Amino acid sequence: MGTAGMAAAAVRYLRSSGRPVEALPRPELRCVGADERAPVEGTEFRRVLGHFASGVAVVAAAAAPGEAAPAGFACQSFSSLSLDPPLVAFMVGRTSATWPRIARAGAFCVSVLAAGQGELCRGFAVSGGDKFAGVAYDAAPASGAPRLTGAVAWIDCTIHAVHTGGDHLIVVGRVDALGTGTEDAPLLFHRGRFARLRD
């Protein structure tokens, strides 16, 4: 299933659950022709964009009936989107095995990681296995999704819209509840390494 098909399937599922979902019209797509050069080489794209420091978060959803553990993944591409209504967004690779589980849940909680949670982040960055084994969390108040202990902030959301974006999906969440946690500095990611704020 292509990117547009995955987004459409997610929107259809969410609409069938009665949740409000908006979808943008499908954009016109153009492939690079055989006689054309791709405008940017992939490794150079990663190298240059790696200079943009970002926070790190875990996006998680509660376990569905019959599932042994919740679903979650580490995410650098999380951001605020709108104040009125309160919306946030994150991007996820369309080949992600975790995203379909979050889409089925229809809701998620974002835990913004603290500077000392680098190892926890690495655990959520790998594919497969029970990422929540040994991880302390409680249930976010609106969605029941995992809210990680020790995070600097948490944002509890309902999936509002899903858009296509190349090899990723752009997921928009409507904020139902949010709050702060520990007073620690946030975990940062810059040029392929974890970093922290310094006075």
N, C-alpha and C. Protein backbone atom coordinates (compact mmCIF):
# COMPACT_ATOMS: atom_id res chain seq x y z
N MET A 1 0.86 -1.19 0.00
CA MET A 1 0.00 0.00 0.00
C MET A 1 0.89 1.23 0.00
N GLY A 2 0.63 2.18 -0.89
CA GLY A 2 1.44 3.39 -0.97
C GLY A 2 1.12 4.37 0.15
N THR A 3 1.86 5.49 0.14
CA THR A 3 1.68 6.50 1.19
C THR A 3 0.25 7.02 1.23
N ALA A 4 -0.29 7.37 0.07
CA ALA A 4 -1.65 7.90 0.03
C ALA A 4 -2.65 6.85 0.50
N GLY A 5 -2.42 5.58 0.13
CA GLY A 5 -3.32 4.51 0.56
C GLY A 5 -3.32 4.32 2.06
N MET A 6 -2.13 4.40 2.67
CA MET A 6 -2.04 4.26 4.13
C MET A 6 -2.76 5.40 4.83
N ALA A 7 -2.57 6.61 4.33
CA ALA A 7 -3.24 7.77 4.94
C ALA A 7 -4.76 7.64 4.79
N ALA A 8 -5.20 7.24 3.60
CA ALA A 8 -6.63 7.09 3.37
C ALA A 8 -7.23 6.00 4.26
N ALA A 9 -6.50 4.91 4.43
CA ALA A 9 -6.99 3.83 5.29
C ALA A 9 -7.13 4.31 6.73
N ALA A 10 -6.15 5.09 7.21
CA ALA A 10 -6.22 5.62 8.56
C ALA A 10 -7.41 6.55 8.72
N VAL A 11 -7.63 7.41 7.73
CA VAL A 11 -8.76 8.34 7.79
C VAL A 11 -10.08 7.57 7.78
N ARG A 12 -10.19 6.55 6.91
CA ARG A 12 -11.43 5.75 6.87
C ARG A 12 -11.69 5.09 8.22
N TYR A 13 -10.65 4.53 8.83
CA TYR A 13 -10.81 3.87 10.13
C TYR A 13 -11.28 4.86 11.18
N LEU A 14 -10.65 6.02 11.21
CA LEU A 14 -11.00 7.01 12.23
C LEU A 14 -12.41 7.54 12.02
N ARG A 15 -12.79 7.73 10.76
CA ARG A 15 -14.16 8.20 10.50
C ARG A 15 -15.19 7.16 10.96
N SER A 16 -14.88 5.88 10.77
CA SER A 16 -15.82 4.82 11.17
C SER A 16 -15.97 4.77 12.68
N SER A 17 -15.00 5.29 13.42
CA SER A 17 -15.08 5.27 14.88
C SER A 17 -15.85 6.47 15.42
N GLY A 18 -16.28 7.38 14.52
CA GLY A 18 -17.05 8.53 14.95
C GLY A 18 -16.22 9.72 15.36
N ARG A 19 -14.89 9.62 15.25
CA ARG A 19 -14.02 10.74 15.62
C ARG A 19 -13.92 11.71 14.44
N PRO A 20 -13.86 13.04 14.73
CA PRO A 20 -13.74 14.00 13.63
C PRO A 20 -12.37 13.93 12.98
N VAL A 21 -12.36 13.77 11.67
CA VAL A 21 -11.10 13.67 10.92
C VAL A 21 -11.20 14.52 9.66
N GLU A 22 -10.15 15.26 9.38
CA GLU A 22 -10.10 16.04 8.16
C GLU A 22 -8.99 15.50 7.29
N ALA A 23 -9.19 15.50 6.00
CA ALA A 23 -8.15 15.06 5.07
C ALA A 23 -7.99 16.09 3.98
N LEU A 24 -6.75 16.40 3.65
CA LEU A 24 -6.48 17.32 2.55
C LEU A 24 -6.64 16.59 1.22
N PRO A 25 -6.94 17.33 0.14
CA PRO A 25 -6.97 16.68 -1.17
C PRO A 25 -5.59 16.09 -1.48
N ARG A 26 -5.59 14.99 -2.21
CA ARG A 26 -4.32 14.35 -2.55
C ARG A 26 -3.50 15.28 -3.45
N PRO A 27 -2.23 15.55 -3.06
CA PRO A 27 -1.43 16.44 -3.90
C PRO A 27 -0.99 15.75 -5.18
N GLU A 28 -0.66 16.58 -6.19
CA GLU A 28 -0.10 16.02 -7.41
C GLU A 28 1.32 15.57 -7.13
N LEU A 29 1.64 14.34 -7.50
CA LEU A 29 2.96 13.79 -7.25
C LEU A 29 3.72 13.68 -8.57
N ARG A 30 5.02 13.93 -8.51
CA ARG A 30 5.86 13.83 -9.70
C ARG A 30 7.10 13.06 -9.35
N CYS A 31 7.38 12.01 -10.09
CA CYS A 31 8.57 11.20 -9.87
C CYS A 31 9.74 11.78 -10.66
N VAL A 32 10.94 11.51 -10.17
CA VAL A 32 12.14 11.90 -10.90
C VAL A 32 12.28 10.96 -12.09
N GLY A 33 12.39 11.55 -13.27
CA GLY A 33 12.51 10.74 -14.48
C GLY A 33 13.86 10.04 -14.57
N ALA A 34 13.94 9.02 -15.44
CA ALA A 34 15.17 8.26 -15.61
C ALA A 34 16.31 9.14 -16.10
N ASP A 35 15.98 10.21 -16.83
CA ASP A 35 17.01 11.09 -17.38
C ASP A 35 17.28 12.30 -16.47
N GLU A 36 16.74 12.28 -15.27
CA GLU A 36 16.91 13.39 -14.34
C GLU A 36 17.73 12.94 -13.12
N ARG A 37 18.39 13.90 -12.53
CA ARG A 37 19.13 13.65 -11.31
C ARG A 37 18.28 14.10 -10.13
N ALA A 38 18.21 13.30 -9.06
CA ALA A 38 17.51 13.74 -7.86
C ALA A 38 18.16 15.03 -7.37
N PRO A 39 17.38 16.03 -6.96
CA PRO A 39 17.95 17.33 -6.63
C PRO A 39 18.87 17.31 -5.41
N VAL A 40 18.65 16.39 -4.48
CA VAL A 40 19.46 16.33 -3.26
C VAL A 40 19.78 14.88 -2.95
N GLU A 41 21.03 14.59 -2.67
CA GLU A 41 21.45 13.23 -2.31
C GLU A 41 21.07 12.97 -0.85
N GLY A 42 20.59 11.75 -0.57
CA GLY A 42 20.02 11.43 0.74
C GLY A 42 20.96 11.66 1.92
N THR A 43 22.21 11.21 1.81
CA THR A 43 23.12 11.36 2.95
C THR A 43 23.46 12.83 3.20
N GLU A 44 23.53 13.63 2.12
CA GLU A 44 23.79 15.05 2.30
C GLU A 44 22.59 15.74 2.93
N PHE A 45 21.39 15.31 2.55
CA PHE A 45 20.16 15.84 3.16
C PHE A 45 20.19 15.60 4.67
N ARG A 46 20.51 14.34 5.07
CA ARG A 46 20.58 14.02 6.50
C ARG A 46 21.65 14.84 7.21
N ARG A 47 22.82 14.96 6.58
CA ARG A 47 23.93 15.67 7.22
C ARG A 47 23.58 17.13 7.49
N VAL A 48 23.03 17.80 6.49
CA VAL A 48 22.71 19.22 6.64
C VAL A 48 21.57 19.42 7.63
N LEU A 49 20.50 18.63 7.49
CA LEU A 49 19.36 18.79 8.38
C LEU A 49 19.69 18.39 9.81
N GLY A 50 20.75 17.57 9.99
CA GLY A 50 21.18 17.20 11.33
C GLY A 50 21.68 18.37 12.14
N HIS A 51 21.97 19.50 11.50
CA HIS A 51 22.40 20.70 12.21
C HIS A 51 21.24 21.39 12.92
N PHE A 52 20.03 20.99 12.60
CA PHE A 52 18.86 21.55 13.29
C PHE A 52 18.63 20.75 14.56
N ALA A 53 18.91 21.36 15.71
CA ALA A 53 18.71 20.66 16.99
C ALA A 53 17.22 20.53 17.28
N SER A 54 16.84 19.38 17.79
CA SER A 54 15.42 19.16 18.10
C SER A 54 15.30 18.50 19.47
N GLY A 55 14.13 18.63 20.04
CA GLY A 55 13.81 17.86 21.22
C GLY A 55 13.53 16.42 20.82
N VAL A 56 13.36 15.56 21.81
CA VAL A 56 13.07 14.15 21.55
C VAL A 56 11.87 13.76 22.41
N ALA A 57 10.95 13.02 21.81
CA ALA A 57 9.74 12.61 22.51
C ALA A 57 9.44 11.15 22.21
N VAL A 58 8.57 10.57 23.01
CA VAL A 58 8.02 9.25 22.73
C VAL A 58 6.53 9.42 22.48
N VAL A 59 6.07 8.92 21.34
CA VAL A 59 4.65 8.92 20.99
C VAL A 59 4.13 7.52 21.30
N ALA A 60 3.09 7.43 22.12
CA ALA A 60 2.62 6.12 22.58
C ALA A 60 1.10 6.03 22.58
N ALA A 61 0.61 4.81 22.41
CA ALA A 61 -0.82 4.53 22.47
C ALA A 61 -1.05 3.30 23.34
N ALA A 62 -2.21 3.24 23.93
CA ALA A 62 -2.56 2.11 24.79
C ALA A 62 -2.65 0.82 23.98
N ALA A 63 -2.41 -0.30 24.64
CA ALA A 63 -2.52 -1.61 24.00
C ALA A 63 -3.97 -1.87 23.60
N ALA A 64 -4.16 -2.38 22.42
CA ALA A 64 -5.50 -2.77 21.96
C ALA A 64 -5.86 -4.12 22.57
N PRO A 65 -7.15 -4.46 22.60
CA PRO A 65 -7.53 -5.78 23.10
C PRO A 65 -6.77 -6.88 22.37
N GLY A 66 -6.19 -7.80 23.12
CA GLY A 66 -5.42 -8.89 22.54
C GLY A 66 -3.96 -8.59 22.38
N GLU A 67 -3.55 -7.33 22.57
CA GLU A 67 -2.14 -6.97 22.49
C GLU A 67 -1.51 -7.03 23.87
N ALA A 68 -0.28 -7.50 23.94
CA ALA A 68 0.38 -7.70 25.23
C ALA A 68 0.95 -6.41 25.81
N ALA A 69 1.27 -5.44 24.97
CA ALA A 69 1.94 -4.23 25.44
C ALA A 69 1.46 -3.02 24.65
N PRO A 70 1.62 -1.82 25.21
CA PRO A 70 1.28 -0.61 24.45
C PRO A 70 2.21 -0.45 23.24
N ALA A 71 1.90 0.51 22.39
CA ALA A 71 2.71 0.81 21.22
C ALA A 71 3.38 2.16 21.43
N GLY A 72 4.63 2.29 20.96
CA GLY A 72 5.30 3.58 21.10
C GLY A 72 6.57 3.63 20.26
N PHE A 73 6.99 4.84 19.92
CA PHE A 73 8.23 5.01 19.18
C PHE A 73 8.85 6.36 19.53
N ALA A 74 10.18 6.45 19.40
CA ALA A 74 10.90 7.70 19.62
C ALA A 74 10.68 8.62 18.42
N CYS A 75 10.54 9.91 18.69
CA CYS A 75 10.16 10.85 17.64
C CYS A 75 10.88 12.18 17.84
N GLN A 76 11.59 12.63 16.79
CA GLN A 76 12.18 13.96 16.80
C GLN A 76 11.28 14.97 16.11
N SER A 77 10.39 14.50 15.28
CA SER A 77 9.61 15.39 14.41
C SER A 77 8.28 15.78 15.03
N PHE A 78 8.29 16.08 16.32
CA PHE A 78 7.08 16.51 17.01
C PHE A 78 7.10 18.03 17.14
N SER A 79 5.93 18.67 16.96
CA SER A 79 5.88 20.12 17.13
C SER A 79 4.47 20.58 17.45
N SER A 80 4.37 21.78 18.02
CA SER A 80 3.06 22.41 18.16
C SER A 80 2.63 22.88 16.77
N LEU A 81 1.34 22.98 16.55
CA LEU A 81 0.82 23.33 15.23
C LEU A 81 -0.16 24.50 15.28
N SER A 82 -1.09 24.45 16.21
CA SER A 82 -2.15 25.46 16.25
C SER A 82 -2.57 25.71 17.70
N LEU A 83 -2.86 26.99 18.00
CA LEU A 83 -3.34 27.34 19.33
C LEU A 83 -4.85 27.23 19.43
N ASP A 84 -5.55 27.59 18.35
CA ASP A 84 -7.01 27.56 18.36
C ASP A 84 -7.53 26.98 17.05
N PRO A 85 -7.89 25.69 17.02
CA PRO A 85 -7.93 24.77 18.15
C PRO A 85 -6.52 24.30 18.51
N PRO A 86 -6.36 23.73 19.71
CA PRO A 86 -5.04 23.27 20.11
C PRO A 86 -4.65 21.99 19.36
N LEU A 87 -3.67 22.12 18.47
CA LEU A 87 -3.23 21.00 17.65
C LEU A 87 -1.72 20.84 17.74
N VAL A 88 -1.27 19.60 17.67
CA VAL A 88 0.15 19.27 17.56
C VAL A 88 0.32 18.35 16.35
N ALA A 89 1.56 18.11 15.96
CA ALA A 89 1.81 17.24 14.82
C ALA A 89 3.08 16.45 15.04
N PHE A 90 3.13 15.27 14.42
CA PHE A 90 4.37 14.52 14.35
C PHE A 90 4.41 13.81 13.00
N MET A 91 5.61 13.46 12.59
CA MET A 91 5.80 12.74 11.34
C MET A 91 6.29 11.33 11.64
N VAL A 92 5.79 10.38 10.88
CA VAL A 92 6.18 8.98 11.08
C VAL A 92 6.39 8.33 9.72
N GLY A 93 7.42 7.51 9.61
CA GLY A 93 7.70 6.81 8.36
C GLY A 93 6.54 5.91 7.98
N ARG A 94 6.22 5.89 6.69
CA ARG A 94 5.06 5.11 6.26
C ARG A 94 5.30 3.61 6.37
N THR A 95 6.56 3.19 6.58
CA THR A 95 6.84 1.76 6.78
C THR A 95 6.87 1.39 8.25
N SER A 96 6.58 2.32 9.14
CA SER A 96 6.60 2.05 10.58
C SER A 96 5.63 0.93 10.95
N ALA A 97 6.11 0.00 11.76
CA ALA A 97 5.23 -1.06 12.25
C ALA A 97 4.41 -0.60 13.45
N THR A 98 4.84 0.47 14.10
CA THR A 98 4.15 0.98 15.29
C THR A 98 2.98 1.89 14.92
N TRP A 99 3.13 2.67 13.84
CA TRP A 99 2.09 3.62 13.48
C TRP A 99 0.71 2.97 13.30
N PRO A 100 0.56 1.84 12.60
CA PRO A 100 -0.79 1.28 12.45
C PRO A 100 -1.46 0.99 13.79
N ARG A 101 -0.68 0.60 14.81
CA ARG A 101 -1.26 0.35 16.13
C ARG A 101 -1.74 1.65 16.76
N ILE A 102 -1.00 2.73 16.58
CA ILE A 102 -1.43 4.03 17.11
C ILE A 102 -2.66 4.51 16.35
N ALA A 103 -2.66 4.32 15.03
CA ALA A 103 -3.83 4.72 14.22
C ALA A 103 -5.08 3.98 14.67
N ARG A 104 -4.95 2.67 14.95
CA ARG A 104 -6.11 1.90 15.41
C ARG A 104 -6.61 2.41 16.75
N ALA A 105 -5.69 2.83 17.62
CA ALA A 105 -6.10 3.35 18.94
C ALA A 105 -6.85 4.66 18.79
N GLY A 106 -6.50 5.46 17.77
CA GLY A 106 -7.19 6.72 17.54
C GLY A 106 -6.77 7.85 18.47
N ALA A 107 -5.83 7.56 19.37
CA ALA A 107 -5.38 8.56 20.34
C ALA A 107 -3.97 8.21 20.76
N PHE A 108 -3.25 9.21 21.28
CA PHE A 108 -1.86 8.97 21.68
C PHE A 108 -1.46 10.00 22.73
N CYS A 109 -0.38 9.69 23.44
CA CYS A 109 0.21 10.63 24.37
C CYS A 109 1.66 10.84 23.97
N VAL A 110 2.10 12.09 23.93
CA VAL A 110 3.49 12.44 23.65
C VAL A 110 4.17 12.75 24.98
N SER A 111 5.27 12.05 25.27
CA SER A 111 6.08 12.35 26.45
C SER A 111 7.36 13.00 25.97
N VAL A 112 7.59 14.26 26.37
CA VAL A 112 8.80 14.99 25.99
C VAL A 112 9.90 14.56 26.96
N LEU A 113 10.97 13.97 26.42
CA LEU A 113 11.97 13.32 27.27
C LEU A 113 12.90 14.32 27.94
N ALA A 114 13.36 13.93 29.13
CA ALA A 114 14.30 14.72 29.91
C ALA A 114 15.73 14.35 29.52
N ALA A 115 16.67 15.21 29.89
CA ALA A 115 18.07 15.05 29.48
C ALA A 115 18.65 13.70 29.89
N GLY A 116 18.19 13.14 30.99
CA GLY A 116 18.73 11.87 31.46
C GLY A 116 18.05 10.64 30.88
N GLN A 117 17.19 10.82 29.89
CA GLN A 117 16.43 9.69 29.35
C GLN A 117 16.92 9.23 27.98
N GLY A 118 18.22 9.41 27.71
CA GLY A 118 18.77 8.99 26.43
C GLY A 118 18.67 7.50 26.19
N GLU A 119 18.96 6.69 27.21
CA GLU A 119 18.87 5.24 27.05
C GLU A 119 17.43 4.80 26.82
N LEU A 120 16.50 5.43 27.52
CA LEU A 120 15.09 5.12 27.30
C LEU A 120 14.72 5.43 25.86
N CYS A 121 15.20 6.56 25.35
CA CYS A 121 14.93 6.93 23.96
C CYS A 121 15.46 5.88 23.00
N ARG A 122 16.67 5.39 23.24
CA ARG A 122 17.26 4.36 22.36
C ARG A 122 16.38 3.11 22.35
N GLY A 123 15.80 2.77 23.48
CA GLY A 123 14.92 1.60 23.54
C GLY A 123 13.69 1.75 22.68
N PHE A 124 13.18 2.99 22.58
CA PHE A 124 11.99 3.24 21.76
C PHE A 124 12.33 3.47 20.29
N ALA A 125 13.62 3.60 19.98
CA ALA A 125 14.03 3.83 18.60
C ALA A 125 14.23 2.54 17.82
N VAL A 126 14.25 1.40 18.51
CA VAL A 126 14.45 0.12 17.82
C VAL A 126 13.10 -0.46 17.42
N SER A 127 13.13 -1.33 16.43
CA SER A 127 11.91 -1.96 15.95
C SER A 127 11.71 -3.31 16.61
N GLY A 128 10.46 -3.61 16.95
CA GLY A 128 10.13 -4.92 17.50
C GLY A 128 10.33 -5.01 19.00
N GLY A 129 9.83 -6.09 19.57
CA GLY A 129 9.97 -6.34 21.00
C GLY A 129 9.02 -5.48 21.83
N ASP A 130 9.04 -5.73 23.14
CA ASP A 130 8.23 -4.96 24.08
C ASP A 130 9.04 -3.76 24.54
N LYS A 131 8.81 -2.61 23.94
CA LYS A 131 9.57 -1.41 24.27
C LYS A 131 9.25 -0.89 25.66
N PHE A 132 8.14 -1.33 26.23
CA PHE A 132 7.73 -0.85 27.54
C PHE A 132 8.21 -1.72 28.69
N ALA A 133 8.92 -2.79 28.40
CA ALA A 133 9.42 -3.67 29.46
C ALA A 133 10.36 -2.88 30.36
N GLY A 134 10.04 -2.81 31.64
CA GLY A 134 10.88 -2.11 32.61
C GLY A 134 10.74 -0.60 32.58
N VAL A 135 9.83 -0.07 31.78
CA VAL A 135 9.65 1.38 31.67
C VAL A 135 8.50 1.81 32.57
N ALA A 136 8.74 2.82 33.41
CA ALA A 136 7.71 3.32 34.32
C ALA A 136 6.80 4.31 33.59
N TYR A 137 5.50 4.10 33.72
CA TYR A 137 4.53 5.01 33.11
C TYR A 137 3.19 4.87 33.80
N ASP A 138 2.33 5.85 33.59
CA ASP A 138 0.94 5.72 34.02
C ASP A 138 0.06 6.06 32.83
N ALA A 139 -1.27 6.06 33.05
CA ALA A 139 -2.21 6.30 31.95
C ALA A 139 -2.52 7.78 31.85
N ALA A 140 -2.36 8.34 30.65
CA ALA A 140 -2.74 9.73 30.42
C ALA A 140 -4.24 9.89 30.65
N PRO A 141 -4.68 11.05 31.15
CA PRO A 141 -6.07 11.16 31.63
C PRO A 141 -7.15 11.06 30.57
N ALA A 142 -6.90 11.51 29.35
CA ALA A 142 -7.95 11.49 28.33
C ALA A 142 -7.93 10.21 27.51
N SER A 143 -6.76 9.79 27.04
CA SER A 143 -6.66 8.65 26.13
C SER A 143 -6.35 7.34 26.82
N GLY A 144 -5.77 7.40 28.00
CA GLY A 144 -5.29 6.18 28.65
C GLY A 144 -3.98 5.69 28.08
N ALA A 145 -3.40 6.44 27.14
CA ALA A 145 -2.11 6.06 26.55
C ALA A 145 -1.00 6.22 27.59
N PRO A 146 0.11 5.49 27.41
CA PRO A 146 1.20 5.61 28.37
C PRO A 146 1.78 7.02 28.44
N ARG A 147 1.93 7.51 29.67
CA ARG A 147 2.57 8.78 29.97
C ARG A 147 3.83 8.43 30.76
N LEU A 148 5.00 8.65 30.16
CA LEU A 148 6.24 8.15 30.73
C LEU A 148 6.65 8.93 31.97
N THR A 149 7.02 8.20 33.01
CA THR A 149 7.52 8.81 34.23
C THR A 149 8.85 9.50 33.96
N GLY A 150 9.02 10.70 34.50
CA GLY A 150 10.28 11.41 34.36
C GLY A 150 10.35 12.32 33.16
N ALA A 151 9.31 12.34 32.33
CA ALA A 151 9.30 13.24 31.17
C ALA A 151 9.13 14.68 31.63
N VAL A 152 9.60 15.64 30.81
CA VAL A 152 9.48 17.05 31.20
C VAL A 152 8.10 17.61 30.88
N ALA A 153 7.38 16.98 29.95
CA ALA A 153 6.03 17.42 29.60
C ALA A 153 5.30 16.26 28.93
N TRP A 154 3.98 16.34 28.91
CA TRP A 154 3.17 15.33 28.24
C TRP A 154 1.99 16.02 27.57
N ILE A 155 1.58 15.47 26.43
CA ILE A 155 0.48 16.02 25.64
C ILE A 155 -0.40 14.84 25.22
N ASP A 156 -1.65 14.85 25.66
CA ASP A 156 -2.59 13.75 25.44
C ASP A 156 -3.54 14.16 24.30
N CYS A 157 -3.62 13.35 23.25
CA CYS A 157 -4.27 13.79 22.01
C CYS A 157 -5.20 12.73 21.41
N THR A 158 -6.14 13.23 20.63
CA THR A 158 -6.94 12.41 19.72
C THR A 158 -6.44 12.67 18.30
N ILE A 159 -6.33 11.64 17.48
CA ILE A 159 -5.90 11.84 16.09
C ILE A 159 -6.96 12.69 15.37
N HIS A 160 -6.51 13.78 14.78
CA HIS A 160 -7.40 14.76 14.16
C HIS A 160 -7.37 14.66 12.63
N ALA A 161 -6.17 14.40 12.07
CA ALA A 161 -6.02 14.31 10.61
C ALA A 161 -4.71 13.59 10.31
N VAL A 162 -4.66 13.00 9.10
CA VAL A 162 -3.45 12.33 8.62
C VAL A 162 -3.23 12.77 7.18
N HIS A 163 -2.03 13.27 6.89
CA HIS A 163 -1.70 13.76 5.55
C HIS A 163 -0.48 13.02 5.03
N THR A 164 -0.33 12.95 3.73
CA THR A 164 0.86 12.34 3.15
C THR A 164 1.97 13.38 3.04
N GLY A 165 3.21 12.91 3.17
CA GLY A 165 4.38 13.77 3.03
C GLY A 165 5.56 12.96 2.56
N GLY A 166 5.61 12.64 1.28
CA GLY A 166 6.72 11.83 0.75
C GLY A 166 6.72 10.45 1.35
N ASP A 167 7.87 10.05 1.95
CA ASP A 167 7.95 8.72 2.54
C ASP A 167 7.48 8.70 3.98
N HIS A 168 6.86 9.80 4.44
CA HIS A 168 6.31 9.89 5.79
C HIS A 168 4.83 10.25 5.75
N LEU A 169 4.19 10.07 6.89
CA LEU A 169 2.83 10.57 7.11
C LEU A 169 2.92 11.70 8.13
N ILE A 170 2.08 12.70 7.95
CA ILE A 170 2.00 13.83 8.86
C ILE A 170 0.73 13.63 9.69
N VAL A 171 0.91 13.39 10.97
CA VAL A 171 -0.22 13.09 11.85
C VAL A 171 -0.51 14.32 12.70
N VAL A 172 -1.75 14.78 12.66
CA VAL A 172 -2.17 15.94 13.45
C VAL A 172 -3.01 15.44 14.61
N GLY A 173 -2.69 15.88 15.81
CA GLY A 173 -3.44 15.48 16.99
C GLY A 173 -4.13 16.66 17.63
N ARG A 174 -5.38 16.47 18.04
CA ARG A 174 -6.10 17.50 18.80
C ARG A 174 -5.81 17.28 20.28
N VAL A 175 -5.34 18.30 20.96
CA VAL A 175 -4.92 18.17 22.36
C VAL A 175 -6.13 18.13 23.27
N ASP A 176 -6.22 17.06 24.06
CA ASP A 176 -7.31 16.89 25.02
C ASP A 176 -6.88 17.21 26.44
N ALA A 177 -5.60 17.04 26.74
CA ALA A 177 -5.05 17.33 28.08
C ALA A 177 -3.55 17.45 27.93
N LEU A 178 -2.92 18.18 28.83
CA LEU A 178 -1.46 18.32 28.78
C LEU A 178 -0.94 18.81 30.12
N GLY A 179 0.35 18.67 30.33
CA GLY A 179 0.93 19.13 31.58
C GLY A 179 2.43 18.98 31.57
N THR A 180 3.06 19.47 32.62
CA THR A 180 4.51 19.35 32.77
C THR A 180 4.83 18.30 33.82
N GLY A 181 6.07 17.81 33.77
CA GLY A 181 6.51 16.79 34.70
C GLY A 181 7.72 17.25 35.48
N THR A 182 8.83 16.57 35.27
CA THR A 182 10.05 16.90 35.99
C THR A 182 10.57 18.27 35.58
N GLU A 183 11.34 18.89 36.46
CA GLU A 183 11.95 20.19 36.17
C GLU A 183 13.29 20.06 35.47
N ASP A 184 13.69 18.83 35.10
CA ASP A 184 14.96 18.62 34.42
C ASP A 184 14.98 19.32 33.07
N ALA A 185 16.18 19.50 32.52
CA ALA A 185 16.33 20.02 31.16
C ALA A 185 15.83 18.97 30.17
N PRO A 186 15.42 19.39 28.97
CA PRO A 186 14.96 18.42 27.97
C PRO A 186 16.13 17.71 27.30
N LEU A 187 15.84 16.53 26.77
CA LEU A 187 16.80 15.80 25.94
C LEU A 187 16.79 16.41 24.54
N LEU A 188 17.97 16.69 24.00
CA LEU A 188 18.09 17.25 22.66
C LEU A 188 18.82 16.28 21.75
N PHE A 189 18.63 16.43 20.43
CA PHE A 189 19.33 15.63 19.45
C PHE A 189 19.93 16.57 18.42
N HIS A 190 21.25 16.45 18.18
CA HIS A 190 21.93 17.36 17.28
C HIS A 190 23.10 16.65 16.61
N ARG A 191 23.13 16.65 15.29
CA ARG A 191 24.21 16.06 14.50
C ARG A 191 24.47 14.60 14.90
N GLY A 192 23.38 13.86 15.05
CA GLY A 192 23.50 12.42 15.30
C GLY A 192 23.79 12.04 16.73
N ARG A 193 23.79 13.01 17.66
CA ARG A 193 24.10 12.70 19.07
C ARG A 193 23.08 13.36 19.98
N PHE A 194 22.90 12.76 21.17
CA PHE A 194 22.11 13.42 22.20
C PHE A 194 22.91 14.58 22.75
N ALA A 195 22.20 15.61 23.17
CA ALA A 195 22.82 16.80 23.75
C ALA A 195 21.91 17.33 24.85
N ARG A 196 22.40 18.30 25.59
CA ARG A 196 21.59 18.92 26.62
C ARG A 196 21.86 20.41 26.66
N LEU A 197 20.90 21.15 27.21
CA LEU A 197 21.07 22.59 27.34
C LEU A 197 22.18 22.89 28.35
N ARG A 198 22.90 23.97 28.11
CA ARG A 198 23.95 24.40 29.04
C ARG A 198 23.77 25.88 29.32
N ASP A 199 23.86 26.27 30.58
CA ASP A 199 23.72 27.69 30.96
C ASP A 199 24.84 28.50 30.34
